[in-house]
Amino acid sequence: MSGKTKEKILTVPEVKRILERVGEENLDQFQRRALDYASKFARLDAKSSRKLVKNLVKEHALEEVEAVQIVNCMPGSIEEIRVFLAGGRKIVETKKLEDILKVLDEFRTRE
């Protein structure tokens, strides 16, 4: 083993799934707090959240970190989506934002 740690950006639902698999009795106080937070704020299941992230990255040309933040919050309007895209510092076409909102709405209705 090289001793290197691989980093991966996770959605809140993925964190929830990982912590649930470990089992609450095996978690320290900070992990239990993280599980509590994830349980309260996960908007999708872990599989759907990862699928949505991949869709936003591949089909809508978002950075993975942007896509994860959007999936974690599941914004309900174009104005809310704008907040996650470069902090509003770059101009994003309204059509692209509408397409992203449509995809979010599709995933929201699956739940």
PDB file of N, CA and C in Angstrom:
ATOM      1  N   MET A   1       0.837  -1.191   0.000  1.00  0.00           N
ATOM      2  CA  MET A   1       0.000   0.000   0.000  1.00  0.00           C
ATOM      3  C   MET A   1       0.870   1.237   0.000  1.00  0.00           C
ATOM      4  N   SER A   2       0.447   2.213  -0.744  1.00  0.00           N
ATOM      5  CA  SER A   2       1.228   3.433  -0.865  1.00  0.00           C
ATOM      6  C   SER A   2       0.959   4.408   0.264  1.00  0.00           C
ATOM      7  N   GLY A   3      -0.104   4.201   1.031  1.00  0.00           N
ATOM      8  CA  GLY A   3      -0.412   5.101   2.127  1.00  0.00           C
ATOM      9  C   GLY A   3      -1.145   6.349   1.688  1.00  0.00           C
ATOM     10  N   LYS A   4      -1.469   6.433   0.407  1.00  0.00           N
ATOM     11  CA  LYS A   4      -2.201   7.597  -0.081  1.00  0.00           C
ATOM     12  C   LYS A   4      -3.689   7.399   0.150  1.00  0.00           C
ATOM     13  N   THR A   5      -4.348   8.485   0.472  1.00  0.00           N
ATOM     14  CA  THR A   5      -5.783   8.470   0.677  1.00  0.00           C
ATOM     15  C   THR A   5      -6.446   9.073  -0.546  1.00  0.00           C
ATOM     16  N   LYS A   6      -7.480   8.411  -1.021  1.00  0.00           N
ATOM     17  CA  LYS A   6      -8.216   8.930  -2.166  1.00  0.00           C
ATOM     18  C   LYS A   6      -9.382   9.760  -1.648  1.00  0.00           C
ATOM     19  N   GLU A   7      -9.545  10.920  -2.229  1.00  0.00           N
ATOM     20  CA  GLU A   7     -10.618  11.822  -1.832  1.00  0.00           C
ATOM     21  C   GLU A   7     -11.749  11.759  -2.841  1.00  0.00           C
ATOM     22  N   LYS A   8     -12.979  11.814  -2.337  1.00  0.00           N
ATOM     23  CA  LYS A   8     -14.147  11.834  -3.209  1.00  0.00           C
ATOM     24  C   LYS A   8     -15.169  12.779  -2.603  1.00  0.00           C
ATOM     25  N   ILE A   9     -15.753  13.598  -3.444  1.00  0.00           N
ATOM     26  CA  ILE A   9     -16.795  14.510  -2.997  1.00  0.00           C
ATOM     27  C   ILE A   9     -18.087  13.704  -2.884  1.00  0.00           C
ATOM     28  N   LEU A  10     -18.713  13.749  -1.721  1.00  0.00           N
ATOM     29  CA  LEU A  10     -19.927  12.974  -1.473  1.00  0.00           C
ATOM     30  C   LEU A  10     -21.137  13.874  -1.283  1.00  0.00           C
ATOM     31  N   THR A  11     -22.275  13.350  -1.663  1.00  0.00           N
ATOM     32  CA  THR A  11     -23.528  14.042  -1.377  1.00  0.00           C
ATOM     33  C   THR A  11     -23.942  13.701   0.053  1.00  0.00           C
ATOM     34  N   VAL A  12     -24.842  14.488   0.606  1.00  0.00           N
ATOM     35  CA  VAL A  12     -25.359  14.224   1.950  1.00  0.00           C
ATOM     36  C   VAL A  12     -26.005  12.832   2.022  1.00  0.00           C
ATOM     37  N   PRO A  13     -26.809  12.429   1.032  1.00  0.00           N
ATOM     38  CA  PRO A  13     -27.375  11.077   1.103  1.00  0.00           C
ATOM     39  C   PRO A  13     -26.311   9.970   1.095  1.00  0.00           C
ATOM     40  N   GLU A  14     -25.205  10.181   0.387  1.00  0.00           N
ATOM     41  CA  GLU A  14     -24.135   9.182   0.381  1.00  0.00           C
ATOM     42  C   GLU A  14     -23.459   9.096   1.748  1.00  0.00           C
ATOM     43  N   VAL A  15     -23.278  10.239   2.395  1.00  0.00           N
ATOM     44  CA  VAL A  15     -22.717  10.261   3.748  1.00  0.00           C
ATOM     45  C   VAL A  15     -23.649   9.506   4.696  1.00  0.00           C
ATOM     46  N   LYS A  16     -24.928   9.756   4.558  1.00  0.00           N
ATOM     47  CA  LYS A  16     -25.918   9.069   5.392  1.00  0.00           C
ATOM     48  C   LYS A  16     -25.817   7.561   5.223  1.00  0.00           C
ATOM     49  N   ARG A  17     -25.752   7.095   3.986  1.00  0.00           N
ATOM     50  CA  ARG A  17     -25.666   5.656   3.715  1.00  0.00           C
ATOM     51  C   ARG A  17     -24.411   5.047   4.330  1.00  0.00           C
ATOM     52  N   ILE A  18     -23.286   5.719   4.184  1.00  0.00           N
ATOM     53  CA  ILE A  18     -22.022   5.211   4.731  1.00  0.00           C
ATOM     54  C   ILE A  18     -22.106   5.102   6.250  1.00  0.00           C
ATOM     55  N   LEU A  19     -22.585   6.156   6.883  1.00  0.00           N
ATOM     56  CA  LEU A  19     -22.665   6.151   8.346  1.00  0.00           C
ATOM     57  C   LEU A  19     -23.680   5.125   8.860  1.00  0.00           C
ATOM     58  N   GLU A  20     -24.767   4.944   8.150  1.00  0.00           N
ATOM     59  CA  GLU A  20     -25.745   3.924   8.543  1.00  0.00           C
ATOM     60  C   GLU A  20     -25.147   2.521   8.438  1.00  0.00           C
ATOM     61  N   ARG A  21     -24.329   2.303   7.420  1.00  0.00           N
ATOM     62  CA  ARG A  21     -23.690   0.988   7.248  1.00  0.00           C
ATOM     63  C   ARG A  21     -22.694   0.688   8.366  1.00  0.00           C
ATOM     64  N   VAL A  22     -22.031   1.729   8.853  1.00  0.00           N
ATOM     65  CA  VAL A  22     -21.091   1.552   9.962  1.00  0.00           C
ATOM     66  C   VAL A  22     -21.852   1.149  11.217  1.00  0.00           C
ATOM     67  N   GLY A  23     -23.035   1.707  11.371  1.00  0.00           N
ATOM     68  CA  GLY A  23     -23.863   1.411  12.534  1.00  0.00           C
ATOM     69  C   GLY A  23     -23.672   2.464  13.601  1.00  0.00           C
ATOM     70  N   GLU A  24     -24.781   2.994  14.084  1.00  0.00           N
ATOM     71  CA  GLU A  24     -24.729   4.104  15.038  1.00  0.00           C
ATOM     72  C   GLU A  24     -23.924   3.763  16.286  1.00  0.00           C
ATOM     73  N   GLU A  25     -24.003   2.513  16.720  1.00  0.00           N
ATOM     74  CA  GLU A  25     -23.266   2.109  17.929  1.00  0.00           C
ATOM     75  C   GLU A  25     -21.753   2.156  17.743  1.00  0.00           C
ATOM     76  N   ASN A  26     -21.294   2.187  16.499  1.00  0.00           N
ATOM     77  CA  ASN A  26     -19.855   2.238  16.212  1.00  0.00           C
ATOM     78  C   ASN A  26     -19.350   3.637  15.871  1.00  0.00           C
ATOM     79  N   LEU A  27     -20.222   4.625  15.940  1.00  0.00           N
ATOM     80  CA  LEU A  27     -19.851   5.986  15.563  1.00  0.00           C
ATOM     81  C   LEU A  27     -19.427   6.797  16.784  1.00  0.00           C
ATOM     82  N   ASP A  28     -18.473   7.710  16.555  1.00  0.00           N
ATOM     83  CA  ASP A  28     -18.125   8.633  17.637  1.00  0.00           C
ATOM     84  C   ASP A  28     -19.139   9.780  17.641  1.00  0.00           C
ATOM     85  N   GLN A  29     -19.008  10.701  18.585  1.00  0.00           N
ATOM     86  CA  GLN A  29     -20.023  11.755  18.719  1.00  0.00           C
ATOM     87  C   GLN A  29     -20.142  12.633  17.480  1.00  0.00           C
ATOM     88  N   PHE A  30     -19.028  12.907  16.805  1.00  0.00           N
ATOM     89  CA  PHE A  30     -19.072  13.754  15.615  1.00  0.00           C
ATOM     90  C   PHE A  30     -19.724  13.027  14.444  1.00  0.00           C
ATOM     91  N   GLN A  31     -19.445  11.743  14.330  1.00  0.00           N
ATOM     92  CA  GLN A  31     -20.073  10.951  13.276  1.00  0.00           C
ATOM     93  C   GLN A  31     -21.570  10.804  13.531  1.00  0.00           C
ATOM     94  N   ARG A  32     -21.961  10.678  14.785  1.00  0.00           N
ATOM     95  CA  ARG A  32     -23.389  10.611  15.117  1.00  0.00           C
ATOM     96  C   ARG A  32     -24.079  11.925  14.763  1.00  0.00           C
ATOM     97  N   ARG A  33     -23.407  13.044  15.008  1.00  0.00           N
ATOM     98  CA  ARG A  33     -23.967  14.351  14.620  1.00  0.00           C
ATOM     99  C   ARG A  33     -24.101  14.452  13.108  1.00  0.00           C
ATOM    100  N   ALA A  34     -23.082  13.956  12.412  1.00  0.00           N
ATOM    101  CA  ALA A  34     -23.126  13.973  10.945  1.00  0.00           C
ATOM    102  C   ALA A  34     -24.279  13.108  10.435  1.00  0.00           C
ATOM    103  N   LEU A  35     -24.484  11.955  11.047  1.00  0.00           N
ATOM    104  CA  LEU A  35     -25.593  11.078  10.662  1.00  0.00           C
ATOM    105  C   LEU A  35     -26.930  11.750  10.946  1.00  0.00           C
ATOM    106  N   ASP A  36     -27.043  12.402  12.076  1.00  0.00           N
ATOM    107  CA  ASP A  36     -28.277  13.107  12.419  1.00  0.00           C
ATOM    108  C   ASP A  36     -28.563  14.188  11.371  1.00  0.00           C
ATOM    109  N   TYR A  37     -27.547  14.973  11.031  1.00  0.00           N
ATOM    110  CA  TYR A  37     -27.689  16.018  10.012  1.00  0.00           C
ATOM    111  C   TYR A  37     -28.097  15.409   8.676  1.00  0.00           C
ATOM    112  N   ALA A  38     -27.375  14.365   8.263  1.00  0.00           N
ATOM    113  CA  ALA A  38     -27.651  13.734   6.971  1.00  0.00           C
ATOM    114  C   ALA A  38     -29.056  13.150   6.934  1.00  0.00           C
ATOM    115  N   SER A  39     -29.500  12.584   8.032  1.00  0.00           N
ATOM    116  CA  SER A  39     -30.853  12.016   8.087  1.00  0.00           C
ATOM    117  C   SER A  39     -31.919  13.093   7.943  1.00  0.00           C
ATOM    118  N   LYS A  40     -31.664  14.254   8.495  1.00  0.00           N
ATOM    119  CA  LYS A  40     -32.628  15.352   8.433  1.00  0.00           C
ATOM    120  C   LYS A  40     -32.645  16.055   7.074  1.00  0.00           C
ATOM    121  N   PHE A  41     -31.479  16.138   6.438  1.00  0.00           N
ATOM    122  CA  PHE A  41     -31.373  16.990   5.257  1.00  0.00           C
ATOM    123  C   PHE A  41     -31.177  16.270   3.929  1.00  0.00           C
ATOM    124  N   ALA A  42     -31.050  14.960   3.927  1.00  0.00           N
ATOM    125  CA  ALA A  42     -30.926  14.226   2.662  1.00  0.00           C
ATOM    126  C   ALA A  42     -32.245  14.344   1.904  1.00  0.00           C
ATOM    127  N   ARG A  43     -32.178  14.840   0.686  1.00  0.00           N
ATOM    128  CA  ARG A  43     -33.390  15.059  -0.109  1.00  0.00           C
ATOM    129  C   ARG A  43     -33.706  13.866  -1.026  1.00  0.00           C
ATOM    130  N   LEU A  44     -32.701  13.051  -1.296  1.00  0.00           N
ATOM    131  CA  LEU A  44     -32.839  11.884  -2.164  1.00  0.00           C
ATOM    132  C   LEU A  44     -32.165  10.695  -1.493  1.00  0.00           C
ATOM    133  N   ASP A  45     -32.313   9.514  -2.069  1.00  0.00           N
ATOM    134  CA  ASP A  45     -31.520   8.387  -1.585  1.00  0.00           C
ATOM    135  C   ASP A  45     -30.122   8.480  -2.214  1.00  0.00           C
ATOM    136  N   ALA A  46     -29.182   7.721  -1.686  1.00  0.00           N
ATOM    137  CA  ALA A  46     -27.785   7.825  -2.119  1.00  0.00           C
ATOM    138  C   ALA A  46     -27.604   7.504  -3.601  1.00  0.00           C
ATOM    139  N   LYS A  47     -28.270   6.458  -4.070  1.00  0.00           N
ATOM    140  CA  LYS A  47     -28.127   6.051  -5.473  1.00  0.00           C
ATOM    141  C   LYS A  47     -28.648   7.137  -6.414  1.00  0.00           C
ATOM    142  N   SER A  48     -29.813   7.674  -6.109  1.00  0.00           N
ATOM    143  CA  SER A  48     -30.390   8.743  -6.940  1.00  0.00           C
ATOM    144  C   SER A  48     -29.534  10.002  -6.904  1.00  0.00           C
ATOM    145  N   SER A  49     -28.992  10.312  -5.734  1.00  0.00           N
ATOM    146  CA  SER A  49     -28.179  11.529  -5.627  1.00  0.00           C
ATOM    147  C   SER A  49     -26.925  11.423  -6.496  1.00  0.00           C
ATOM    148  N   ARG A  50     -26.281  10.254  -6.515  1.00  0.00           N
ATOM    149  CA  ARG A  50     -25.081  10.079  -7.344  1.00  0.00           C
ATOM    150  C   ARG A  50     -25.451  10.107  -8.820  1.00  0.00           C
ATOM    151  N   LYS A  51     -26.572   9.496  -9.168  1.00  0.00           N
ATOM    152  CA  LYS A  51     -27.028   9.501 -10.555  1.00  0.00           C
ATOM    153  C   LYS A  51     -27.299  10.938 -11.018  1.00  0.00           C
ATOM    154  N   LEU A  52     -27.913  11.733 -10.156  1.00  0.00           N
ATOM    155  CA  LEU A  52     -28.203  13.127 -10.481  1.00  0.00           C
ATOM    156  C   LEU A  52     -26.910  13.934 -10.632  1.00  0.00           C
ATOM    157  N   VAL A  53     -25.943  13.716  -9.753  1.00  0.00           N
ATOM    158  CA  VAL A  53     -24.651  14.406  -9.873  1.00  0.00           C
ATOM    159  C   VAL A  53     -24.023  14.085 -11.225  1.00  0.00           C
ATOM    160  N   LYS A  54     -23.986  12.808 -11.577  1.00  0.00           N
ATOM    161  CA  LYS A  54     -23.399  12.408 -12.866  1.00  0.00           C
ATOM    162  C   LYS A  54     -24.122  13.058 -14.031  1.00  0.00           C
ATOM    163  N   ASN A  55     -25.452  13.131 -13.944  1.00  0.00           N
ATOM    164  CA  ASN A  55     -26.231  13.771 -14.995  1.00  0.00           C
ATOM    165  C   ASN A  55     -25.873  15.251 -15.118  1.00  0.00           C
ATOM    166  N   LEU A  56     -25.792  15.948 -13.997  1.00  0.00           N
ATOM    167  CA  LEU A  56     -25.482  17.380 -14.027  1.00  0.00           C
ATOM    168  C   LEU A  56     -24.082  17.647 -14.570  1.00  0.00           C
ATOM    169  N   VAL A  57     -23.142  16.758 -14.259  1.00  0.00           N
ATOM    170  CA  VAL A  57     -21.770  16.926 -14.751  1.00  0.00           C
ATOM    171  C   VAL A  57     -21.700  16.620 -16.247  1.00  0.00           C
ATOM    172  N   LYS A  58     -22.267  15.489 -16.634  1.00  0.00           N
ATOM    173  CA  LYS A  58     -22.160  15.048 -18.029  1.00  0.00           C
ATOM    174  C   LYS A  58     -23.062  15.831 -18.981  1.00  0.00           C
ATOM    175  N   GLU A  59     -24.326  15.960 -18.627  1.00  0.00           N
ATOM    176  CA  GLU A  59     -25.305  16.553 -19.542  1.00  0.00           C
ATOM    177  C   GLU A  59     -25.392  18.078 -19.459  1.00  0.00           C
ATOM    178  N   HIS A  60     -24.967  18.643 -18.334  1.00  0.00           N
ATOM    179  CA  HIS A  60     -25.136  20.086 -18.142  1.00  0.00           C
ATOM    180  C   HIS A  60     -23.819  20.811 -17.889  1.00  0.00           C
ATOM    181  N   ALA A  61     -22.731  20.083 -18.046  1.00  0.00           N
ATOM    182  CA  ALA A  61     -21.375  20.657 -17.979  1.00  0.00           C
ATOM    183  C   ALA A  61     -21.094  21.413 -16.684  1.00  0.00           C
ATOM    184  N   LEU A  62     -21.564  20.869 -15.562  1.00  0.00           N
ATOM    185  CA  LEU A  62     -21.241  21.464 -14.270  1.00  0.00           C
ATOM    186  C   LEU A  62     -19.992  20.814 -13.702  1.00  0.00           C
ATOM    187  N   GLU A  63     -19.296  21.535 -12.855  1.00  0.00           N
ATOM    188  CA  GLU A  63     -18.190  20.952 -12.103  1.00  0.00           C
ATOM    189  C   GLU A  63     -18.807  20.016 -11.068  1.00  0.00           C
ATOM    190  N   GLU A  64     -18.096  18.958 -10.688  1.00  0.00           N
ATOM    191  CA  GLU A  64     -18.650  18.007  -9.730  1.00  0.00           C
ATOM    192  C   GLU A  64     -19.008  18.684  -8.411  1.00  0.00           C
ATOM    193  N   VAL A  65     -18.166  19.580  -7.940  1.00  0.00           N
ATOM    194  CA  VAL A  65     -18.442  20.254  -6.670  1.00  0.00           C
ATOM    195  C   VAL A  65     -19.727  21.086  -6.763  1.00  0.00           C
ATOM    196  N   GLU A  66     -19.962  21.730  -7.898  1.00  0.00           N
ATOM    197  CA  GLU A  66     -21.205  22.483  -8.093  1.00  0.00           C
ATOM    198  C   GLU A  66     -22.404  21.536  -8.099  1.00  0.00           C
ATOM    199  N   ALA A  67     -22.260  20.435  -8.814  1.00  0.00           N
ATOM    200  CA  ALA A  67     -23.354  19.466  -8.915  1.00  0.00           C
ATOM    201  C   ALA A  67     -23.704  18.879  -7.545  1.00  0.00           C
ATOM    202  N   VAL A  68     -22.692  18.555  -6.752  1.00  0.00           N
ATOM    203  CA  VAL A  68     -22.937  17.993  -5.419  1.00  0.00           C
ATOM    204  C   VAL A  68     -23.669  19.008  -4.541  1.00  0.00           C
ATOM    205  N   GLN A  69     -23.252  20.252  -4.586  1.00  0.00           N
ATOM    206  CA  GLN A  69     -23.924  21.273  -3.780  1.00  0.00           C
ATOM    207  C   GLN A  69     -25.376  21.459  -4.212  1.00  0.00           C
ATOM    208  N   ILE A  70     -25.608  21.427  -5.503  1.00  0.00           N
ATOM    209  CA  ILE A  70     -26.974  21.549  -6.008  1.00  0.00           C
ATOM    210  C   ILE A  70     -27.817  20.361  -5.553  1.00  0.00           C
ATOM    211  N   VAL A  71     -27.268  19.158  -5.650  1.00  0.00           N
ATOM    212  CA  VAL A  71     -28.004  17.957  -5.227  1.00  0.00           C
ATOM    213  C   VAL A  71     -28.259  17.991  -3.719  1.00  0.00           C
ATOM    214  N   ASN A  72     -27.297  18.471  -2.952  1.00  0.00           N
ATOM    215  CA  ASN A  72     -27.479  18.541  -1.502  1.00  0.00           C
ATOM    216  C   ASN A  72     -28.616  19.478  -1.111  1.00  0.00           C
ATOM    217  N   CYS A  73     -28.799  20.542  -1.855  1.00  0.00           N
ATOM    218  CA  CYS A  73     -29.817  21.543  -1.503  1.00  0.00           C
ATOM    219  C   CYS A  73     -31.093  21.433  -2.334  1.00  0.00           C
ATOM    220  N   MET A  74     -31.013  20.817  -3.502  1.00  0.00           N
ATOM    221  CA  MET A  74     -32.162  20.647  -4.400  1.00  0.00           C
ATOM    222  C   MET A  74     -32.961  21.948  -4.545  1.00  0.00           C
ATOM    223  N   PRO A  75     -32.314  22.997  -5.073  1.00  0.00           N
ATOM    224  CA  PRO A  75     -32.996  24.283  -5.223  1.00  0.00           C
ATOM    225  C   PRO A  75     -34.251  24.164  -6.085  1.00  0.00           C
ATOM    226  N   GLY A  76     -35.235  25.007  -5.785  1.00  0.00           N
ATOM    227  CA  GLY A  76     -36.517  24.938  -6.466  1.00  0.00           C
ATOM    228  C   GLY A  76     -36.774  26.041  -7.465  1.00  0.00           C
ATOM    229  N   SER A  77     -35.772  26.884  -7.716  1.00  0.00           N
ATOM    230  CA  SER A  77     -35.961  27.971  -8.681  1.00  0.00           C
ATOM    231  C   SER A  77     -34.638  28.256  -9.395  1.00  0.00           C
ATOM    232  N   ILE A  78     -34.766  28.938 -10.514  1.00  0.00           N
ATOM    233  CA  ILE A  78     -33.575  29.330 -11.287  1.00  0.00           C
ATOM    234  C   ILE A  78     -32.676  30.238 -10.458  1.00  0.00           C
ATOM    235  N   GLU A  79     -33.279  31.152  -9.712  1.00  0.00           N
ATOM    236  CA  GLU A  79     -32.503  32.087  -8.895  1.00  0.00           C
ATOM    237  C   GLU A  79     -31.676  31.327  -7.846  1.00  0.00           C
ATOM    238  N   GLU A  80     -32.272  30.284  -7.260  1.00  0.00           N
ATOM    239  CA  GLU A  80     -31.544  29.490  -6.271  1.00  0.00           C
ATOM    240  C   GLU A  80     -30.404  28.707  -6.916  1.00  0.00           C
ATOM    241  N   ILE A  81     -30.614  28.200  -8.122  1.00  0.00           N
ATOM    242  CA  ILE A  81     -29.548  27.464  -8.821  1.00  0.00           C
ATOM    243  C   ILE A  81     -28.383  28.391  -9.117  1.00  0.00           C
ATOM    244  N   ARG A  82     -28.672  29.622  -9.526  1.00  0.00           N
ATOM    245  CA  ARG A  82     -27.619  30.608  -9.844  1.00  0.00           C
ATOM    246  C   ARG A  82     -26.617  30.775  -8.703  1.00  0.00           C
ATOM    247  N   VAL A  83     -27.110  30.699  -7.473  1.00  0.00           N
ATOM    248  CA  VAL A  83     -26.255  30.872  -6.296  1.00  0.00           C
ATOM    249  C   VAL A  83     -25.116  29.858  -6.285  1.00  0.00           C
ATOM    250  N   PHE A  84     -25.387  28.658  -6.756  1.00  0.00           N
ATOM    251  CA  PHE A  84     -24.389  27.586  -6.708  1.00  0.00           C
ATOM    252  C   PHE A  84     -23.398  27.615  -7.861  1.00  0.00           C
ATOM    253  N   LEU A  85     -23.707  28.352  -8.880  1.00  0.00           N
ATOM    254  CA  LEU A  85     -22.853  28.368 -10.064  1.00  0.00           C
ATOM    255  C   LEU A  85     -21.900  29.552 -10.017  1.00  0.00           C
ATOM    256  N   ALA A  86     -20.717  29.286  -9.531  1.00  0.00           N
ATOM    257  CA  ALA A  86     -19.638  30.283  -9.445  1.00  0.00           C
ATOM    258  C   ALA A  86     -20.043  31.486  -8.618  1.00  0.00           C
ATOM    259  N   GLY A  87     -20.887  31.272  -7.650  1.00  0.00           N
ATOM    260  CA  GLY A  87     -21.286  32.359  -6.767  1.00  0.00           C
ATOM    261  C   GLY A  87     -21.914  33.516  -7.500  1.00  0.00           C
ATOM    262  N   GLY A  88     -22.471  33.252  -8.665  1.00  0.00           N
ATOM    263  CA  GLY A  88     -23.107  34.302  -9.440  1.00  0.00           C
ATOM    264  C   GLY A  88     -22.124  35.175 -10.195  1.00  0.00           C
ATOM    265  N   ARG A  89     -20.841  34.778 -10.211  1.00  0.00           N
ATOM    266  CA  ARG A  89     -19.817  35.601 -10.871  1.00  0.00           C
ATOM    267  C   ARG A  89     -19.746  35.362 -12.374  1.00  0.00           C
ATOM    268  N   LYS A  90     -20.315  34.246 -12.837  1.00  0.00           N
ATOM    269  CA  LYS A  90     -20.329  34.045 -14.278  1.00  0.00           C
ATOM    270  C   LYS A  90     -21.774  34.001 -14.747  1.00  0.00           C
ATOM    271  N   ILE A  91     -21.958  34.414 -15.970  1.00  0.00           N
ATOM    272  CA  ILE A  91     -23.300  34.456 -16.525  1.00  0.00           C
ATOM    273  C   ILE A  91     -23.632  33.083 -17.096  1.00  0.00           C
ATOM    274  N   VAL A  92     -24.770  32.560 -16.682  1.00  0.00           N
ATOM    275  CA  VAL A  92     -25.233  31.260 -17.153  1.00  0.00           C
ATOM    276  C   VAL A  92     -26.541  31.498 -17.893  1.00  0.00           C
ATOM    277  N   GLU A  93     -26.644  30.896 -19.070  1.00  0.00           N
ATOM    278  CA  GLU A  93     -27.849  31.064 -19.879  1.00  0.00           C
ATOM    279  C   GLU A  93     -29.085  30.593 -19.116  1.00  0.00           C
ATOM    280  N   THR A  94     -30.145  31.339 -19.259  1.00  0.00           N
ATOM    281  CA  THR A  94     -31.408  30.987 -18.606  1.00  0.00           C
ATOM    282  C   THR A  94     -31.886  29.615 -19.074  1.00  0.00           C
ATOM    283  N   LYS A  95     -31.691  29.295 -20.331  1.00  0.00           N
ATOM    284  CA  LYS A  95     -32.101  27.988 -20.872  1.00  0.00           C
ATOM    285  C   LYS A  95     -31.391  26.857 -20.126  1.00  0.00           C
ATOM    286  N   LYS A  96     -30.111  27.021 -19.867  1.00  0.00           N
ATOM    287  CA  LYS A  96     -29.356  25.995 -19.146  1.00  0.00           C
ATOM    288  C   LYS A  96     -29.905  25.836 -17.723  1.00  0.00           C
ATOM    289  N   LEU A  97     -30.201  26.946 -17.083  1.00  0.00           N
ATOM    290  CA  LEU A  97     -30.758  26.907 -15.734  1.00  0.00           C
ATOM    291  C   LEU A  97     -32.129  26.241 -15.725  1.00  0.00           C
ATOM    292  N   GLU A  98     -32.941  26.531 -16.740  1.00  0.00           N
ATOM    293  CA  GLU A  98     -34.257  25.897 -16.852  1.00  0.00           C
ATOM    294  C   GLU A  98     -34.124  24.391 -17.030  1.00  0.00           C
ATOM    295  N   ASP A  99     -33.141  23.976 -17.838  1.00  0.00           N
ATOM    296  CA  ASP A  99     -32.899  22.544 -18.055  1.00  0.00           C
ATOM    297  C   ASP A  99     -32.466  21.855 -16.766  1.00  0.00           C
ATOM    298  N   ILE A 100     -31.603  22.505 -16.010  1.00  0.00           N
ATOM    299  CA  ILE A 100     -31.148  21.952 -14.726  1.00  0.00           C
ATOM    300  C   ILE A 100     -32.330  21.825 -13.772  1.00  0.00           C
ATOM    301  N   LEU A 101     -33.159  22.863 -13.698  1.00  0.00           N
ATOM    302  CA  LEU A 101     -34.326  22.838 -12.822  1.00  0.00           C
ATOM    303  C   LEU A 101     -35.282  21.711 -13.217  1.00  0.00           C
ATOM    304  N   LYS A 102     -35.443  21.490 -14.512  1.00  0.00           N
ATOM    305  CA  LYS A 102     -36.307  20.412 -14.999  1.00  0.00           C
ATOM    306  C   LYS A 102     -35.787  19.053 -14.521  1.00  0.00           C
ATOM    307  N   VAL A 103     -34.489  18.838 -14.602  1.00  0.00           N
ATOM    308  CA  VAL A 103     -33.891  17.573 -14.152  1.00  0.00           C
ATOM    309  C   VAL A 103     -34.076  17.410 -12.644  1.00  0.00           C
ATOM    310  N   LEU A 104     -33.851  18.474 -11.886  1.00  0.00           N
ATOM    311  CA  LEU A 104     -34.056  18.416 -10.438  1.00  0.00           C
ATOM    312  C   LEU A 104     -35.507  18.055 -10.110  1.00  0.00           C
ATOM    313  N   ASP A 105     -36.435  18.669 -10.828  1.00  0.00           N
ATOM    314  CA  ASP A 105     -37.856  18.390 -10.604  1.00  0.00           C
ATOM    315  C   ASP A 105     -38.191  16.932 -10.907  1.00  0.00           C
ATOM    316  N   GLU A 106     -37.581  16.380 -11.960  1.00  0.00           N
ATOM    317  CA  GLU A 106     -37.806  14.971 -12.299  1.00  0.00           C
ATOM    318  C   GLU A 106     -37.346  14.064 -11.165  1.00  0.00           C
ATOM    319  N   PHE A 107     -36.179  14.351 -10.592  1.00  0.00           N
ATOM    320  CA  PHE A 107     -35.663  13.535  -9.488  1.00  0.00           C
ATOM    321  C   PHE A 107     -36.485  13.744  -8.228  1.00  0.00           C
ATOM    322  N   ARG A 108     -36.974  14.949  -8.032  1.00  0.00           N
ATOM    323  CA  ARG A 108     -37.804  15.239  -6.851  1.00  0.00           C
ATOM    324  C   ARG A 108     -39.094  14.418  -6.878  1.00  0.00           C
ATOM    325  N   THR A 109     -39.673  14.257  -8.056  1.00  0.00           N
ATOM    326  CA  THR A 109     -40.937  13.534  -8.161  1.00  0.00           C
ATOM    327  C   THR A 109     -40.756  12.017  -8.038  1.00  0.00           C
ATOM    328  N   ARG A 110     -39.543  11.534  -8.195  1.00  0.00           N
ATOM    329  CA  ARG A 110     -39.279  10.093  -8.049  1.00  0.00           C
ATOM    330  C   ARG A 110     -39.359   9.666  -6.592  1.00  0.00           C
ATOM    331  N   GLU A 111     -39.082  10.595  -5.712  1.00  0.00           N
ATOM    332  CA  GLU A 111     -39.012  10.269  -4.279  1.00  0.00           C
ATOM    333  C   GLU A 111     -40.374  10.166  -3.666  1.00  0.00           C
TER     334      GLU A 111
END
